[in-house]
Amino acid sequence: MRIAVLAFFFILGSTLGAFAQQGIEISAPESHLAGRDLLNFCHGKYDVDAGYCAGYMTAVAELLLDHPLYRMTACEHGKVRSQQLTEIYMEHLQKYPPRADVPASMAAVEAVALAFPCRS
């Protein structure tokens, strides 16, 4: 199962990352979770919604430790709490509002990669 998830993100990241480098704007298709949709879960009044957001962000952060997604990586975030990852995501969309229109996976990867950059 983990391999299938990693393969999905790898293929998606490779394709969308190439578009982003060429300056092509990408919007989330209606069938995909958009950045604003994930943000709504993060701000949700129900625990299950907040838990969905926290789990989503934790999965993205963990994957970025071992695998580049959308040609981005993250390093040394150690045992960061899922609540901190949720806050990082919410702050990222507040700072960059247009990113709410891209796929949630892309916005989440950007938020984590910018918060925990790899040092050469």
Protein backbone atom coordinates (compact mmCIF):
# COMPACT_ATOMS: atom_id res chain seq x y z
CA MET A 1 0.00 0.00 0.00
CA ARG A 2 2.80 2.41 0.94
CA ILE A 3 4.52 1.75 -2.37
CA ALA A 4 1.31 2.58 -4.27
CA VAL A 5 0.95 5.87 -2.38
CA LEU A 6 4.59 6.75 -2.99
CA ALA A 7 4.26 5.88 -6.67
CA PHE A 8 1.16 8.07 -6.97
CA PHE A 9 2.89 11.07 -5.40
CA PHE A 10 6.03 10.48 -7.46
CA ILE A 11 4.14 10.43 -10.76
CA LEU A 12 1.96 13.37 -9.77
CA GLY A 13 4.96 15.32 -8.51
CA SER A 14 7.01 14.69 -11.62
CA THR A 15 4.23 15.81 -13.92
CA LEU A 16 3.04 18.87 -12.02
CA GLY A 17 6.57 19.90 -11.07
CA ALA A 18 7.51 20.07 -14.74
CA PHE A 19 4.52 22.32 -15.44
CA ALA A 20 5.36 24.59 -12.52
CA GLN A 21 8.94 25.04 -13.72
CA GLN A 22 7.65 26.13 -17.12
CA GLY A 23 5.43 28.76 -15.51
CA ILE A 24 2.22 26.94 -16.36
CA GLU A 25 -0.48 27.59 -13.76
CA ILE A 26 -2.10 24.49 -12.37
CA SER A 27 -5.55 24.40 -10.82
CA ALA A 28 -6.92 21.46 -8.93
CA PRO A 29 -9.41 19.51 -11.02
CA GLU A 30 -12.85 19.25 -9.46
CA SER A 31 -12.18 15.59 -8.67
CA HIS A 32 -9.10 16.45 -6.59
CA LEU A 33 -8.78 18.06 -3.20
CA ALA A 34 -7.76 21.70 -3.72
CA GLY A 35 -5.60 23.65 -1.33
CA ARG A 36 -8.62 25.55 -0.04
CA ASP A 37 -10.46 22.27 0.63
CA LEU A 38 -7.66 21.04 2.86
CA LEU A 39 -7.58 24.45 4.53
CA ASN A 40 -11.30 24.07 5.30
CA PHE A 41 -10.55 20.76 7.00
CA CYS A 42 -7.76 22.42 8.99
CA HIS A 43 -10.18 25.11 10.19
CA GLY A 44 -13.02 22.62 10.67
CA LYS A 45 -15.07 22.76 13.82
CA TYR A 46 -15.15 18.96 14.11
CA ASP A 47 -12.22 16.98 15.51
CA VAL A 48 -12.36 14.54 12.62
CA ASP A 49 -11.82 17.38 10.12
CA ALA A 50 -8.83 18.75 12.04
CA GLY A 51 -7.54 15.19 12.33
CA TYR A 52 -7.83 14.71 8.58
CA CYS A 53 -5.76 17.84 8.00
CA ALA A 54 -3.16 16.84 10.60
CA GLY A 55 -2.88 13.33 9.16
CA TYR A 56 -2.59 14.66 5.62
CA MET A 57 0.18 17.06 6.59
CA THR A 58 2.01 14.43 8.63
CA ALA A 59 1.96 12.01 5.69
CA VAL A 60 3.31 14.67 3.33
CA ALA A 61 6.08 15.63 5.78
CA GLU A 62 7.11 12.00 6.27
CA LEU A 63 7.18 11.30 2.55
CA LEU A 64 9.31 14.39 1.89
CA LEU A 65 12.03 13.07 4.19
CA ASP A 66 12.71 10.18 1.80
CA HIS A 67 11.26 11.18 -1.56
CA PRO A 68 11.14 14.44 -3.52
CA LEU A 69 7.60 15.46 -4.39
CA TYR A 70 6.93 18.11 -7.02
CA ARG A 71 10.74 18.30 -7.20
CA MET A 72 10.85 19.57 -3.62
CA THR A 73 12.29 18.03 -0.48
CA ALA A 74 12.24 18.69 3.25
CA CYS A 75 14.88 17.86 5.80
CA GLU A 76 15.46 17.66 9.51
CA HIS A 77 11.94 18.18 10.73
CA GLY A 78 12.45 15.32 13.13
CA LYS A 79 9.49 14.61 15.32
CA VAL A 80 7.51 17.74 14.58
CA ARG A 81 3.98 17.58 15.94
CA SER A 82 1.11 17.28 13.50
CA GLN A 83 -0.46 20.44 14.95
CA GLN A 84 2.66 22.38 13.98
CA LEU A 85 2.44 21.01 10.44
CA THR A 86 -1.20 22.09 10.28
CA GLU A 87 -0.22 25.59 11.40
CA ILE A 88 2.58 25.69 8.82
CA TYR A 89 0.06 24.83 6.10
CA MET A 90 -2.45 27.43 7.22
CA GLU A 91 0.25 30.12 7.41
CA HIS A 92 1.51 29.14 3.95
CA LEU A 93 -1.91 29.67 2.38
CA GLN A 94 -2.35 32.91 4.29
CA LYS A 95 0.97 34.16 2.93
CA TYR A 96 0.35 32.83 -0.61
CA PRO A 97 -3.45 32.94 -1.22
CA PRO A 98 -3.28 31.83 -4.90
CA ARG A 99 -1.91 28.47 -3.74
CA ALA A 100 -5.39 27.65 -2.44
CA ASP A 101 -6.35 26.91 -6.06
CA VAL A 102 -3.66 24.29 -6.71
CA PRO A 103 -4.01 20.65 -5.67
CA ALA A 104 -3.80 20.26 -1.89
CA SER A 105 -0.89 17.88 -2.27
CA MET A 106 1.15 20.54 -4.06
CA ALA A 107 0.31 23.28 -1.54
CA ALA A 108 1.11 20.94 1.36
CA VAL A 109 4.45 19.92 -0.15
CA GLU A 110 5.38 23.57 -0.71
CA ALA A 111 4.50 24.49 2.86
CA VAL A 112 6.59 21.71 4.38
CA ALA A 113 9.52 22.17 1.97
CA LEU A 114 9.70 25.89 2.72
CA ALA A 115 9.42 25.35 6.47
CA PHE A 116 12.12 22.66 6.57
CA PRO A 117 14.58 23.34 3.74
CA CYS A 118 17.51 21.04 3.11
CA ARG A 119 20.88 22.63 3.68
CA SER A 120 23.74 21.76 1.37
